[in-house]
N, C-alpha and C. Protein backbone atom coordinates (compact mmCIF):
# COMPACT_ATOMS: atom_id res chain seq x y z
N MET A 1 0.83 -1.20 0.00
CA MET A 1 0.00 0.00 0.00
C MET A 1 0.87 1.26 0.00
N PHE A 2 1.84 1.31 0.93
CA PHE A 2 2.72 2.48 1.02
C PHE A 2 3.57 2.61 -0.24
N ARG A 3 4.06 1.47 -0.76
CA ARG A 3 4.89 1.51 -1.96
C ARG A 3 4.09 2.04 -3.15
N SER A 4 2.83 1.63 -3.25
CA SER A 4 2.00 2.11 -4.36
C SER A 4 1.78 3.62 -4.27
N MET A 5 1.77 4.16 -3.06
CA MET A 5 1.66 5.61 -2.89
C MET A 5 2.93 6.31 -3.38
N LEU A 6 4.07 5.70 -3.11
CA LEU A 6 5.34 6.27 -3.58
C LEU A 6 5.39 6.28 -5.10
N TYR A 7 4.85 5.24 -5.72
CA TYR A 7 4.86 5.16 -7.18
C TYR A 7 4.16 6.36 -7.82
N LYS A 8 3.17 6.90 -7.14
CA LYS A 8 2.34 7.97 -7.71
C LYS A 8 2.96 9.36 -7.58
N ILE A 9 4.06 9.47 -6.86
CA ILE A 9 4.70 10.78 -6.67
C ILE A 9 5.26 11.28 -7.99
N ARG A 10 4.95 12.52 -8.35
CA ARG A 10 5.42 13.10 -9.61
C ARG A 10 6.44 14.21 -9.39
N SER A 11 6.49 14.79 -8.22
CA SER A 11 7.43 15.88 -7.93
C SER A 11 8.86 15.36 -7.89
N ASN A 12 9.73 15.91 -8.74
CA ASN A 12 11.14 15.48 -8.74
C ASN A 12 11.82 15.82 -7.42
N ARG A 13 11.44 16.92 -6.84
CA ARG A 13 12.02 17.30 -5.54
C ARG A 13 11.67 16.28 -4.47
N MET A 14 10.41 15.86 -4.44
CA MET A 14 9.98 14.86 -3.47
C MET A 14 10.63 13.51 -3.75
N ARG A 15 10.76 13.16 -5.02
CA ARG A 15 11.42 11.91 -5.36
C ARG A 15 12.87 11.89 -4.87
N ARG A 16 13.58 12.99 -5.06
CA ARG A 16 14.97 13.07 -4.59
C ARG A 16 15.05 12.92 -3.08
N PHE A 17 14.08 13.50 -2.38
CA PHE A 17 14.06 13.39 -0.92
C PHE A 17 13.83 11.94 -0.50
N ILE A 18 12.92 11.26 -1.16
CA ILE A 18 12.63 9.86 -0.83
C ILE A 18 13.85 8.99 -1.10
N ILE A 19 14.54 9.23 -2.22
CA ILE A 19 15.75 8.48 -2.54
C ILE A 19 16.80 8.71 -1.46
N TYR A 20 16.91 9.95 -1.00
CA TYR A 20 17.87 10.28 0.06
C TYR A 20 17.56 9.49 1.33
N ILE A 21 16.29 9.44 1.70
CA ILE A 21 15.88 8.72 2.92
C ILE A 21 16.19 7.23 2.81
N TYR A 22 15.82 6.62 1.69
CA TYR A 22 16.07 5.18 1.54
C TYR A 22 17.56 4.87 1.39
N SER A 23 18.31 5.82 0.88
CA SER A 23 19.76 5.63 0.82
C SER A 23 20.34 5.52 2.22
N LYS A 24 19.80 6.32 3.14
CA LYS A 24 20.25 6.26 4.53
C LYS A 24 19.78 4.98 5.22
N LEU A 25 18.58 4.56 4.90
CA LEU A 25 17.99 3.40 5.57
C LEU A 25 18.55 2.07 5.07
N GLU A 26 18.99 2.04 3.81
CA GLU A 26 19.36 0.76 3.20
C GLU A 26 20.80 0.74 2.69
N LYS A 27 21.71 1.33 3.44
CA LYS A 27 23.15 1.24 3.20
C LYS A 27 23.59 1.83 1.86
N GLY A 28 22.90 2.88 1.42
CA GLY A 28 23.31 3.59 0.22
C GLY A 28 22.71 3.02 -1.06
N GLU A 29 22.88 3.79 -2.15
CA GLU A 29 22.29 3.40 -3.43
C GLU A 29 22.87 2.09 -3.96
N MET A 30 24.10 1.76 -3.55
CA MET A 30 24.74 0.55 -4.05
C MET A 30 23.96 -0.71 -3.69
N TRP A 31 23.28 -0.68 -2.53
CA TRP A 31 22.62 -1.89 -2.03
C TRP A 31 21.12 -1.77 -1.87
N SER A 32 20.56 -0.58 -2.01
CA SER A 32 19.14 -0.38 -1.73
C SER A 32 18.24 -1.02 -2.78
N LYS A 33 17.42 -1.96 -2.34
CA LYS A 33 16.45 -2.59 -3.25
C LYS A 33 15.26 -1.68 -3.49
N THR A 34 14.92 -0.88 -2.49
CA THR A 34 13.79 0.04 -2.64
C THR A 34 14.07 1.10 -3.69
N ILE A 35 15.27 1.67 -3.66
CA ILE A 35 15.64 2.68 -4.66
C ILE A 35 15.56 2.09 -6.06
N ARG A 36 16.02 0.86 -6.21
CA ARG A 36 15.96 0.21 -7.53
C ARG A 36 14.52 0.02 -7.99
N ASP A 37 13.67 -0.38 -7.08
CA ASP A 37 12.27 -0.56 -7.42
C ASP A 37 11.63 0.77 -7.84
N LEU A 38 11.97 1.84 -7.13
CA LEU A 38 11.40 3.15 -7.45
C LEU A 38 11.91 3.67 -8.79
N TYR A 39 13.20 3.48 -9.07
CA TYR A 39 13.74 3.93 -10.36
C TYR A 39 13.09 3.18 -11.52
N ASN A 40 12.84 1.90 -11.30
CA ASN A 40 12.19 1.10 -12.34
C ASN A 40 10.78 1.62 -12.60
N ASN A 41 10.07 1.95 -11.54
CA ASN A 41 8.69 2.41 -11.67
C ASN A 41 8.61 3.85 -12.17
N TRP A 42 9.44 4.72 -11.62
CA TRP A 42 9.37 6.14 -11.98
C TRP A 42 9.95 6.44 -13.36
N TYR A 43 11.09 5.81 -13.65
CA TYR A 43 11.85 6.22 -14.84
C TYR A 43 12.06 5.11 -15.87
N ASP A 44 11.55 3.92 -15.60
CA ASP A 44 11.78 2.76 -16.48
C ASP A 44 13.27 2.53 -16.69
N ILE A 45 14.02 2.61 -15.60
CA ILE A 45 15.46 2.31 -15.60
C ILE A 45 15.68 1.17 -14.60
N GLU A 46 16.20 0.06 -15.09
CA GLU A 46 16.43 -1.12 -14.25
C GLU A 46 17.91 -1.19 -13.88
N ILE A 47 18.21 -1.25 -12.59
CA ILE A 47 19.59 -1.20 -12.11
C ILE A 47 19.85 -2.40 -11.20
N GLY A 48 20.84 -3.21 -11.55
CA GLY A 48 21.17 -4.39 -10.75
C GLY A 48 21.84 -4.03 -9.43
N ILE A 49 21.77 -4.95 -8.49
CA ILE A 49 22.35 -4.73 -7.17
C ILE A 49 23.86 -4.54 -7.28
N GLY A 50 24.40 -3.67 -6.44
CA GLY A 50 25.84 -3.43 -6.42
C GLY A 50 26.29 -2.35 -7.38
N SER A 51 25.47 -2.01 -8.37
CA SER A 51 25.83 -0.95 -9.32
C SER A 51 25.67 0.40 -8.64
N TYR A 52 26.49 1.36 -9.05
CA TYR A 52 26.49 2.64 -8.34
C TYR A 52 26.97 3.77 -9.26
N GLY A 53 26.77 5.00 -8.79
CA GLY A 53 27.29 6.17 -9.50
C GLY A 53 26.27 6.80 -10.43
N GLY A 54 26.74 7.22 -11.61
CA GLY A 54 25.92 7.96 -12.55
C GLY A 54 24.75 7.21 -13.13
N CYS A 55 24.66 5.91 -12.91
CA CYS A 55 23.51 5.14 -13.40
C CYS A 55 22.22 5.58 -12.70
N PHE A 56 22.36 6.29 -11.58
CA PHE A 56 21.18 6.77 -10.86
C PHE A 56 20.79 8.20 -11.25
N ASN A 57 21.37 8.72 -12.32
CA ASN A 57 21.01 10.06 -12.78
C ASN A 57 19.97 9.94 -13.90
N CYS A 58 18.71 10.10 -13.53
CA CYS A 58 17.62 9.88 -14.49
C CYS A 58 17.59 10.93 -15.59
N GLU A 59 18.31 12.04 -15.42
CA GLU A 59 18.36 13.07 -16.46
C GLU A 59 19.37 12.74 -17.54
N LYS A 60 20.28 11.80 -17.26
CA LYS A 60 21.33 11.45 -18.21
C LYS A 60 21.23 10.01 -18.72
N ILE A 61 20.47 9.19 -18.02
CA ILE A 61 20.28 7.79 -18.42
C ILE A 61 18.90 7.64 -19.03
N ALA A 62 18.82 7.21 -20.28
CA ALA A 62 17.54 7.13 -20.99
C ALA A 62 16.61 6.09 -20.39
N SER A 63 15.32 6.37 -20.46
CA SER A 63 14.33 5.39 -20.03
C SER A 63 14.45 4.14 -20.90
N GLY A 64 14.12 3.01 -20.31
CA GLY A 64 14.24 1.74 -21.02
C GLY A 64 15.59 1.07 -20.85
N THR A 65 16.54 1.76 -20.21
CA THR A 65 17.88 1.20 -20.02
C THR A 65 17.85 0.13 -18.93
N LYS A 66 18.53 -0.98 -19.19
CA LYS A 66 18.65 -2.06 -18.22
C LYS A 66 20.12 -2.25 -17.88
N ILE A 67 20.47 -2.12 -16.61
CA ILE A 67 21.86 -2.15 -16.16
C ILE A 67 22.06 -3.36 -15.24
N GLY A 68 23.10 -4.13 -15.50
CA GLY A 68 23.36 -5.33 -14.72
C GLY A 68 23.90 -5.04 -13.32
N LYS A 69 24.40 -6.09 -12.69
CA LYS A 69 24.89 -6.01 -11.32
C LYS A 69 26.36 -5.58 -11.27
N TYR A 70 26.72 -4.89 -10.20
CA TYR A 70 28.11 -4.52 -9.89
C TYR A 70 28.76 -3.70 -11.01
N CYS A 71 28.00 -2.79 -11.57
CA CYS A 71 28.54 -1.87 -12.58
C CYS A 71 29.02 -0.59 -11.91
N SER A 72 30.07 0.00 -12.47
CA SER A 72 30.64 1.24 -11.96
C SER A 72 30.45 2.34 -13.00
N PHE A 73 29.68 3.35 -12.65
CA PHE A 73 29.42 4.48 -13.54
C PHE A 73 30.08 5.73 -12.98
N ALA A 74 30.82 6.45 -13.82
CA ALA A 74 31.29 7.76 -13.42
C ALA A 74 30.09 8.70 -13.28
N LYS A 75 30.33 9.86 -12.69
CA LYS A 75 29.24 10.80 -12.39
C LYS A 75 28.50 11.24 -13.64
N ASP A 76 29.24 11.58 -14.69
CA ASP A 76 28.63 12.12 -15.91
C ASP A 76 28.74 11.13 -17.06
N VAL A 77 27.79 10.21 -17.11
CA VAL A 77 27.66 9.26 -18.22
C VAL A 77 26.32 9.53 -18.89
N TYR A 78 26.33 9.60 -20.21
CA TYR A 78 25.12 9.92 -20.95
C TYR A 78 24.70 8.74 -21.82
N ILE A 79 23.45 8.34 -21.67
CA ILE A 79 22.89 7.26 -22.50
C ILE A 79 21.66 7.81 -23.22
N PHE A 80 21.69 7.74 -24.56
CA PHE A 80 20.58 8.24 -25.37
C PHE A 80 19.84 7.08 -26.02
N ASN A 81 18.52 7.20 -26.11
CA ASN A 81 17.73 6.13 -26.73
C ASN A 81 17.13 6.52 -28.07
N ALA A 82 17.50 7.70 -28.60
CA ALA A 82 17.00 8.12 -29.91
C ALA A 82 17.87 9.24 -30.46
N ASN A 83 17.75 9.47 -31.76
CA ASN A 83 18.41 10.59 -32.42
C ASN A 83 17.35 11.53 -32.99
N HIS A 84 17.73 12.78 -33.24
CA HIS A 84 16.85 13.68 -33.98
C HIS A 84 16.75 13.15 -35.42
N PRO A 85 15.54 13.05 -35.97
CA PRO A 85 15.37 12.47 -37.31
C PRO A 85 15.88 13.39 -38.41
N LEU A 86 16.73 12.87 -39.26
CA LEU A 86 17.30 13.67 -40.34
C LEU A 86 16.39 13.71 -41.57
N ASP A 87 15.45 12.76 -41.66
CA ASP A 87 14.59 12.70 -42.84
C ASP A 87 13.25 13.40 -42.64
N PHE A 88 13.02 13.99 -41.45
CA PHE A 88 11.84 14.81 -41.24
C PHE A 88 12.13 16.22 -41.77
N ILE A 89 11.09 17.00 -42.01
CA ILE A 89 11.28 18.38 -42.45
C ILE A 89 12.04 19.19 -41.41
N THR A 90 11.77 18.90 -40.13
CA THR A 90 12.50 19.55 -39.04
C THR A 90 13.06 18.50 -38.10
N THR A 91 14.19 18.81 -37.49
CA THR A 91 14.75 17.93 -36.47
C THR A 91 14.24 18.30 -35.07
N HIS A 92 13.42 19.32 -34.98
CA HIS A 92 12.90 19.78 -33.69
C HIS A 92 11.91 18.77 -33.12
N PRO A 93 11.94 18.53 -31.80
CA PRO A 93 11.07 17.52 -31.19
C PRO A 93 9.58 17.83 -31.26
N LEU A 94 9.21 19.04 -31.62
CA LEU A 94 7.77 19.33 -31.72
C LEU A 94 7.10 18.45 -32.77
N ALA A 95 7.90 17.94 -33.72
CA ALA A 95 7.33 17.12 -34.80
C ALA A 95 7.20 15.65 -34.45
N TYR A 96 7.84 15.22 -33.35
CA TYR A 96 7.83 13.78 -33.07
C TYR A 96 7.67 13.41 -31.60
N ASN A 97 7.82 14.35 -30.69
CA ASN A 97 7.78 14.03 -29.26
C ASN A 97 6.47 14.53 -28.65
N PRO A 98 5.59 13.63 -28.21
CA PRO A 98 4.30 14.05 -27.64
C PRO A 98 4.43 14.90 -26.37
N ALA A 99 5.60 14.85 -25.72
CA ALA A 99 5.80 15.66 -24.52
C ALA A 99 5.74 17.16 -24.83
N ILE A 100 6.04 17.52 -26.08
CA ILE A 100 5.97 18.93 -26.49
C ILE A 100 4.53 19.36 -26.74
N LYS A 101 3.64 18.35 -26.89
CA LYS A 101 2.19 18.54 -27.03
C LYS A 101 1.75 19.09 -28.39
N TYR A 102 2.56 18.88 -29.42
CA TYR A 102 2.15 19.22 -30.78
C TYR A 102 1.65 17.98 -31.53
N VAL A 103 2.15 16.81 -31.12
CA VAL A 103 1.69 15.55 -31.71
C VAL A 103 1.18 14.65 -30.60
N SER A 104 0.29 13.74 -30.95
CA SER A 104 -0.36 12.92 -29.92
C SER A 104 0.39 11.63 -29.61
N ASP A 105 1.26 11.18 -30.52
CA ASP A 105 1.99 9.95 -30.28
C ASP A 105 3.43 10.07 -30.78
N GLU A 106 4.26 9.16 -30.29
CA GLU A 106 5.69 9.15 -30.64
C GLU A 106 5.87 8.88 -32.13
N LYS A 107 6.72 9.69 -32.77
CA LYS A 107 6.93 9.55 -34.21
C LYS A 107 8.29 8.94 -34.56
N ILE A 108 9.10 8.66 -33.56
CA ILE A 108 10.40 8.05 -33.81
C ILE A 108 10.53 6.78 -32.97
N GLU A 109 11.44 5.92 -33.37
CA GLU A 109 11.68 4.67 -32.65
C GLU A 109 12.78 4.89 -31.61
N ARG A 110 12.52 4.44 -30.40
CA ARG A 110 13.51 4.57 -29.32
C ARG A 110 14.10 3.20 -29.00
N SER A 111 15.39 3.16 -28.83
CA SER A 111 16.08 1.90 -28.53
C SER A 111 16.11 1.66 -27.02
N LYS A 112 16.44 0.44 -26.65
CA LYS A 112 16.59 0.09 -25.24
C LYS A 112 17.95 -0.58 -25.05
N LEU A 113 18.79 0.06 -24.28
CA LEU A 113 20.15 -0.44 -24.05
C LEU A 113 20.18 -1.44 -22.91
N VAL A 114 20.83 -2.57 -23.14
CA VAL A 114 21.06 -3.57 -22.09
C VAL A 114 22.54 -3.59 -21.77
N ILE A 115 22.88 -3.27 -20.54
CA ILE A 115 24.26 -3.27 -20.07
C ILE A 115 24.46 -4.49 -19.18
N GLY A 116 25.52 -5.23 -19.42
CA GLY A 116 25.79 -6.44 -18.66
C GLY A 116 26.24 -6.17 -17.24
N ASN A 117 26.83 -7.18 -16.63
CA ASN A 117 27.30 -7.10 -15.25
C ASN A 117 28.78 -6.70 -15.21
N ASP A 118 29.19 -6.05 -14.12
CA ASP A 118 30.60 -5.70 -13.90
C ASP A 118 31.14 -4.82 -15.04
N VAL A 119 30.33 -3.88 -15.49
CA VAL A 119 30.75 -2.95 -16.55
C VAL A 119 31.23 -1.65 -15.90
N TRP A 120 32.31 -1.09 -16.43
CA TRP A 120 32.86 0.17 -15.94
C TRP A 120 32.76 1.20 -17.06
N ILE A 121 32.06 2.31 -16.79
CA ILE A 121 31.91 3.38 -17.78
C ILE A 121 32.50 4.67 -17.21
N GLY A 122 33.47 5.23 -17.92
CA GLY A 122 34.22 6.38 -17.43
C GLY A 122 33.53 7.71 -17.62
N GLN A 123 34.14 8.73 -17.03
CA GLN A 123 33.60 10.09 -17.03
C GLN A 123 33.37 10.63 -18.45
N ASN A 124 32.18 11.24 -18.63
CA ASN A 124 31.80 11.90 -19.88
C ASN A 124 31.68 10.95 -21.08
N ALA A 125 31.56 9.66 -20.81
CA ALA A 125 31.28 8.71 -21.89
C ALA A 125 29.85 8.93 -22.38
N ILE A 126 29.65 8.73 -23.67
CA ILE A 126 28.34 8.90 -24.29
C ILE A 126 27.99 7.62 -25.05
N VAL A 127 26.81 7.09 -24.79
CA VAL A 127 26.33 5.90 -25.49
C VAL A 127 25.16 6.33 -26.38
N LEU A 128 25.33 6.23 -27.69
CA LEU A 128 24.30 6.64 -28.63
C LEU A 128 23.30 5.52 -28.88
N SER A 129 22.19 5.87 -29.49
CA SER A 129 21.05 4.95 -29.57
C SER A 129 21.29 3.72 -30.45
N LYS A 130 22.26 3.76 -31.34
CA LYS A 130 22.55 2.59 -32.17
C LYS A 130 23.20 1.47 -31.37
N CYS A 131 23.72 1.78 -30.21
CA CYS A 131 24.26 0.76 -29.31
C CYS A 131 23.13 0.24 -28.44
N THR A 132 22.84 -1.04 -28.54
CA THR A 132 21.77 -1.64 -27.75
C THR A 132 22.28 -2.68 -26.76
N SER A 133 23.60 -2.95 -26.78
CA SER A 133 24.15 -3.97 -25.89
C SER A 133 25.60 -3.65 -25.52
N ILE A 134 25.87 -3.65 -24.23
CA ILE A 134 27.24 -3.57 -23.71
C ILE A 134 27.45 -4.83 -22.87
N GLY A 135 28.39 -5.66 -23.26
CA GLY A 135 28.55 -6.97 -22.65
C GLY A 135 29.12 -6.96 -21.24
N ASP A 136 29.03 -8.10 -20.58
CA ASP A 136 29.59 -8.28 -19.24
C ASP A 136 31.06 -7.88 -19.23
N GLY A 137 31.47 -7.22 -18.14
CA GLY A 137 32.89 -6.95 -17.93
C GLY A 137 33.51 -5.92 -18.83
N ALA A 138 32.72 -5.27 -19.68
CA ALA A 138 33.28 -4.29 -20.62
C ALA A 138 33.75 -3.03 -19.89
N VAL A 139 34.68 -2.33 -20.52
CA VAL A 139 35.18 -1.05 -20.00
C VAL A 139 35.03 0.00 -21.10
N ILE A 140 34.37 1.10 -20.77
CA ILE A 140 34.21 2.22 -21.69
C ILE A 140 35.04 3.38 -21.15
N GLY A 141 36.05 3.79 -21.88
CA GLY A 141 36.96 4.82 -21.41
C GLY A 141 36.31 6.19 -21.29
N ALA A 142 36.90 7.05 -20.47
CA ALA A 142 36.40 8.41 -20.29
C ALA A 142 36.35 9.15 -21.62
N GLY A 143 35.25 9.85 -21.86
CA GLY A 143 35.10 10.64 -23.07
C GLY A 143 34.79 9.86 -24.33
N THR A 144 34.62 8.57 -24.21
CA THR A 144 34.33 7.73 -25.39
C THR A 144 32.90 7.95 -25.88
N VAL A 145 32.72 7.92 -27.18
CA VAL A 145 31.39 7.97 -27.79
C VAL A 145 31.11 6.60 -28.39
N VAL A 146 30.20 5.87 -27.78
CA VAL A 146 29.89 4.49 -28.19
C VAL A 146 28.78 4.52 -29.24
N THR A 147 29.08 3.99 -30.42
CA THR A 147 28.12 4.04 -31.53
C THR A 147 27.62 2.66 -31.94
N LYS A 148 28.19 1.60 -31.37
CA LYS A 148 27.75 0.25 -31.74
C LYS A 148 27.92 -0.68 -30.54
N ASN A 149 27.40 -1.89 -30.66
CA ASN A 149 27.41 -2.83 -29.55
C ASN A 149 28.83 -3.18 -29.11
N VAL A 150 28.96 -3.45 -27.82
CA VAL A 150 30.27 -3.71 -27.21
C VAL A 150 30.32 -5.16 -26.73
N PRO A 151 31.32 -5.95 -27.14
CA PRO A 151 31.43 -7.35 -26.71
C PRO A 151 31.79 -7.49 -25.23
N ASP A 152 31.60 -8.69 -24.71
CA ASP A 152 31.99 -8.99 -23.33
C ASP A 152 33.47 -8.69 -23.10
N TYR A 153 33.77 -8.02 -22.02
CA TYR A 153 35.14 -7.77 -21.54
C TYR A 153 36.00 -6.97 -22.52
N ALA A 154 35.35 -6.29 -23.46
CA ALA A 154 36.08 -5.43 -24.39
C ALA A 154 36.45 -4.12 -23.71
N ILE A 155 37.55 -3.53 -24.14
CA ILE A 155 37.96 -2.19 -23.71
C ILE A 155 37.75 -1.26 -24.89
N VAL A 156 36.88 -0.27 -24.72
CA VAL A 156 36.50 0.62 -25.81
C VAL A 156 36.88 2.05 -25.47
N VAL A 157 37.59 2.72 -26.37
CA VAL A 157 37.97 4.12 -26.17
C VAL A 157 37.84 4.87 -27.49
N GLY A 158 37.78 6.20 -27.39
CA GLY A 158 37.86 7.04 -28.58
C GLY A 158 36.54 7.57 -29.08
N ILE A 159 36.64 8.41 -30.13
CA ILE A 159 35.49 9.00 -30.80
C ILE A 159 35.62 8.75 -32.30
N PRO A 160 34.82 7.87 -32.89
CA PRO A 160 33.88 6.99 -32.20
C PRO A 160 34.61 5.88 -31.45
N GLY A 161 33.93 5.25 -30.51
CA GLY A 161 34.56 4.22 -29.71
C GLY A 161 35.00 3.01 -30.52
N LYS A 162 36.20 2.55 -30.25
CA LYS A 162 36.73 1.36 -30.91
C LYS A 162 37.28 0.39 -29.87
N VAL A 163 37.16 -0.90 -30.15
CA VAL A 163 37.73 -1.92 -29.26
C VAL A 163 39.24 -1.91 -29.43
N VAL A 164 39.95 -1.62 -28.34
CA VAL A 164 41.41 -1.58 -28.39
C VAL A 164 42.03 -2.79 -27.71
N GLY A 165 41.20 -3.63 -27.12
CA GLY A 165 41.70 -4.83 -26.47
C GLY A 165 40.63 -5.47 -25.62
N TYR A 166 41.02 -6.57 -24.97
CA TYR A 166 40.12 -7.29 -24.09
C TYR A 166 40.81 -7.49 -22.75
N ARG A 167 40.02 -7.51 -21.69
CA ARG A 167 40.59 -7.64 -20.36
C ARG A 167 41.23 -9.01 -20.14
N PHE A 168 40.69 -10.03 -20.76
CA PHE A 168 41.18 -11.39 -20.57
C PHE A 168 41.18 -12.14 -21.90
N SER A 169 41.79 -13.32 -21.90
CA SER A 169 41.78 -14.16 -23.10
C SER A 169 40.37 -14.71 -23.32
N GLU A 170 40.15 -15.27 -24.50
CA GLU A 170 38.83 -15.81 -24.84
C GLU A 170 38.42 -16.93 -23.88
N ASP A 171 39.34 -17.82 -23.55
CA ASP A 171 39.03 -18.92 -22.63
C ASP A 171 38.75 -18.40 -21.23
N GLU A 172 39.53 -17.40 -20.80
CA GLU A 172 39.32 -16.82 -19.47
C GLU A 172 37.96 -16.14 -19.39
N ILE A 173 37.58 -15.45 -20.45
CA ILE A 173 36.27 -14.79 -20.48
C ILE A 173 35.15 -15.81 -20.36
N LYS A 174 35.28 -16.92 -21.07
CA LYS A 174 34.26 -17.98 -21.00
C LYS A 174 34.14 -18.52 -19.58
N SER A 175 35.28 -18.71 -18.91
CA SER A 175 35.27 -19.26 -17.55
C SER A 175 34.65 -18.28 -16.56
N ILE A 176 34.99 -16.99 -16.71
CA ILE A 176 34.44 -15.99 -15.80
C ILE A 176 32.94 -15.86 -15.99
N LYS A 177 32.51 -15.83 -17.25
CA LYS A 177 31.07 -15.73 -17.52
C LYS A 177 30.33 -16.96 -17.01
N LYS A 178 30.96 -18.11 -17.14
CA LYS A 178 30.33 -19.35 -16.67
C LYS A 178 30.17 -19.33 -15.15
N SER A 179 31.10 -18.69 -14.46
CA SER A 179 31.03 -18.64 -12.99
C SER A 179 29.85 -17.81 -12.50
N ARG A 180 29.47 -16.80 -13.30
CA ARG A 180 28.38 -15.89 -12.94
C ARG A 180 28.48 -15.46 -11.48
N TRP A 181 29.67 -15.03 -11.08
CA TRP A 181 29.90 -14.66 -9.68
C TRP A 181 28.95 -13.57 -9.21
N TRP A 182 28.51 -12.71 -10.12
CA TRP A 182 27.63 -11.60 -9.76
C TRP A 182 26.24 -12.05 -9.31
N ASP A 183 25.90 -13.31 -9.61
CA ASP A 183 24.60 -13.83 -9.17
C ASP A 183 24.66 -14.46 -7.77
N ASN A 184 25.87 -14.60 -7.23
CA ASN A 184 26.00 -15.17 -5.89
C ASN A 184 25.47 -14.21 -4.84
N ASP A 185 25.02 -14.76 -3.71
CA ASP A 185 24.60 -13.87 -2.62
C ASP A 185 25.82 -13.18 -2.04
N ILE A 186 25.59 -12.08 -1.36
CA ILE A 186 26.68 -11.24 -0.89
C ILE A 186 27.57 -11.98 0.10
N GLY A 187 27.00 -12.94 0.83
CA GLY A 187 27.80 -13.72 1.77
C GLY A 187 28.88 -14.52 1.06
N LYS A 188 28.51 -15.17 -0.04
CA LYS A 188 29.50 -15.95 -0.80
C LYS A 188 30.51 -15.03 -1.47
N ILE A 189 30.06 -13.90 -1.97
CA ILE A 189 30.98 -12.96 -2.61
C ILE A 189 32.02 -12.47 -1.61
N LYS A 190 31.60 -12.19 -0.39
CA LYS A 190 32.54 -11.75 0.65
C LYS A 190 33.59 -12.82 0.93
N LYS A 191 33.16 -14.07 0.93
CA LYS A 191 34.11 -15.17 1.20
C LYS A 191 35.14 -15.31 0.09
N GLU A 192 34.74 -14.97 -1.13
CA GLU A 192 35.64 -15.16 -2.28
C GLU A 192 36.33 -13.87 -2.72
N VAL A 193 36.09 -12.77 -2.03
CA VAL A 193 36.55 -11.47 -2.53
C VAL A 193 38.07 -11.40 -2.70
N GLU A 194 38.82 -12.13 -1.89
CA GLU A 194 40.28 -12.13 -2.02
C GLU A 194 40.71 -12.72 -3.36
N LEU A 195 39.89 -13.61 -3.90
CA LEU A 195 40.22 -14.23 -5.19
C LEU A 195 40.06 -13.24 -6.35
N PHE A 196 39.27 -12.19 -6.14
CA PHE A 196 39.00 -11.26 -7.22
C PHE A 196 40.24 -10.47 -7.64
N THR A 197 41.23 -10.42 -6.79
CA THR A 197 42.45 -9.68 -7.12
C THR A 197 43.51 -10.57 -7.76
N ASN A 198 43.20 -11.85 -7.90
CA ASN A 198 44.16 -12.79 -8.50
C ASN A 198 43.42 -13.65 -9.52
N LYS A 199 43.56 -13.31 -10.77
CA LYS A 199 42.83 -13.99 -11.84
C LYS A 199 43.08 -15.49 -11.84
N ASP A 200 44.34 -15.89 -11.70
CA ASP A 200 44.67 -17.31 -11.79
C ASP A 200 44.03 -18.11 -10.66
N LEU A 201 44.08 -17.56 -9.44
CA LEU A 201 43.46 -18.25 -8.31
C LEU A 201 41.95 -18.33 -8.47
N PHE A 202 41.35 -17.25 -8.97
CA PHE A 202 39.90 -17.25 -9.17
C PHE A 202 39.50 -18.33 -10.17
N LEU A 203 40.18 -18.37 -11.31
CA LEU A 203 39.84 -19.34 -12.34
C LEU A 203 40.11 -20.77 -11.88
N GLU A 204 41.17 -20.96 -11.12
CA GLU A 204 41.49 -22.29 -10.58
C GLU A 204 40.39 -22.76 -9.64
N SER A 205 39.85 -21.83 -8.85
CA SER A 205 38.81 -22.19 -7.89
C SER A 205 37.50 -22.57 -8.57
N LYS A 206 37.34 -22.18 -9.82
CA LYS A 206 36.10 -22.46 -10.55
C LYS A 206 36.18 -23.70 -11.42
N LYS A 207 37.34 -24.34 -11.46
CA LYS A 207 37.47 -25.55 -12.25
C LYS A 207 36.67 -26.68 -11.63
N GLU A 208 36.01 -27.44 -12.49
CA GLU A 208 35.19 -28.55 -11.99
C GLU A 208 36.01 -29.82 -11.86
């Protein structure tokens, strides 16, 4: 009942206050399940547990974005779900965005970005609407403009963003993804956290 009342709040000022309160009550935005539920309802932004930083900026992260667990976002990361149409008579949103109240329905197609787990996105990175997938473990360098999908564990930098390398070998990536460590409960993660600083020990511990 109380949660449904929170869903109906439209004031951005009140929403920020509620987020502040739950951040204090539930060990910060990194771990708060309530904040995640509210962001999903208010802004259509899905954020996995453990993720933190700029992913909670609803003014810079497009609606429809789905973010995995344990992602690290710099403060100023921009995710766009559409471009201004070049084939319309005007590129102004009055011709295609019902929020401007000149048209009754959306006239352009909006994309939905899915970001994997353990992704790191640096300061002032921009993800354009043609990118619909950023894989697990990927790194997006500061100031990068991402124009296409990013593979698992790829390191992407530049304008436009290009893959300059991978964090691990192909076999290592397969083993890490198979472990799905991000799906473990926090108790198990705490027990294994020392392994996270040593790739060889971590992979050895996951051998069957």
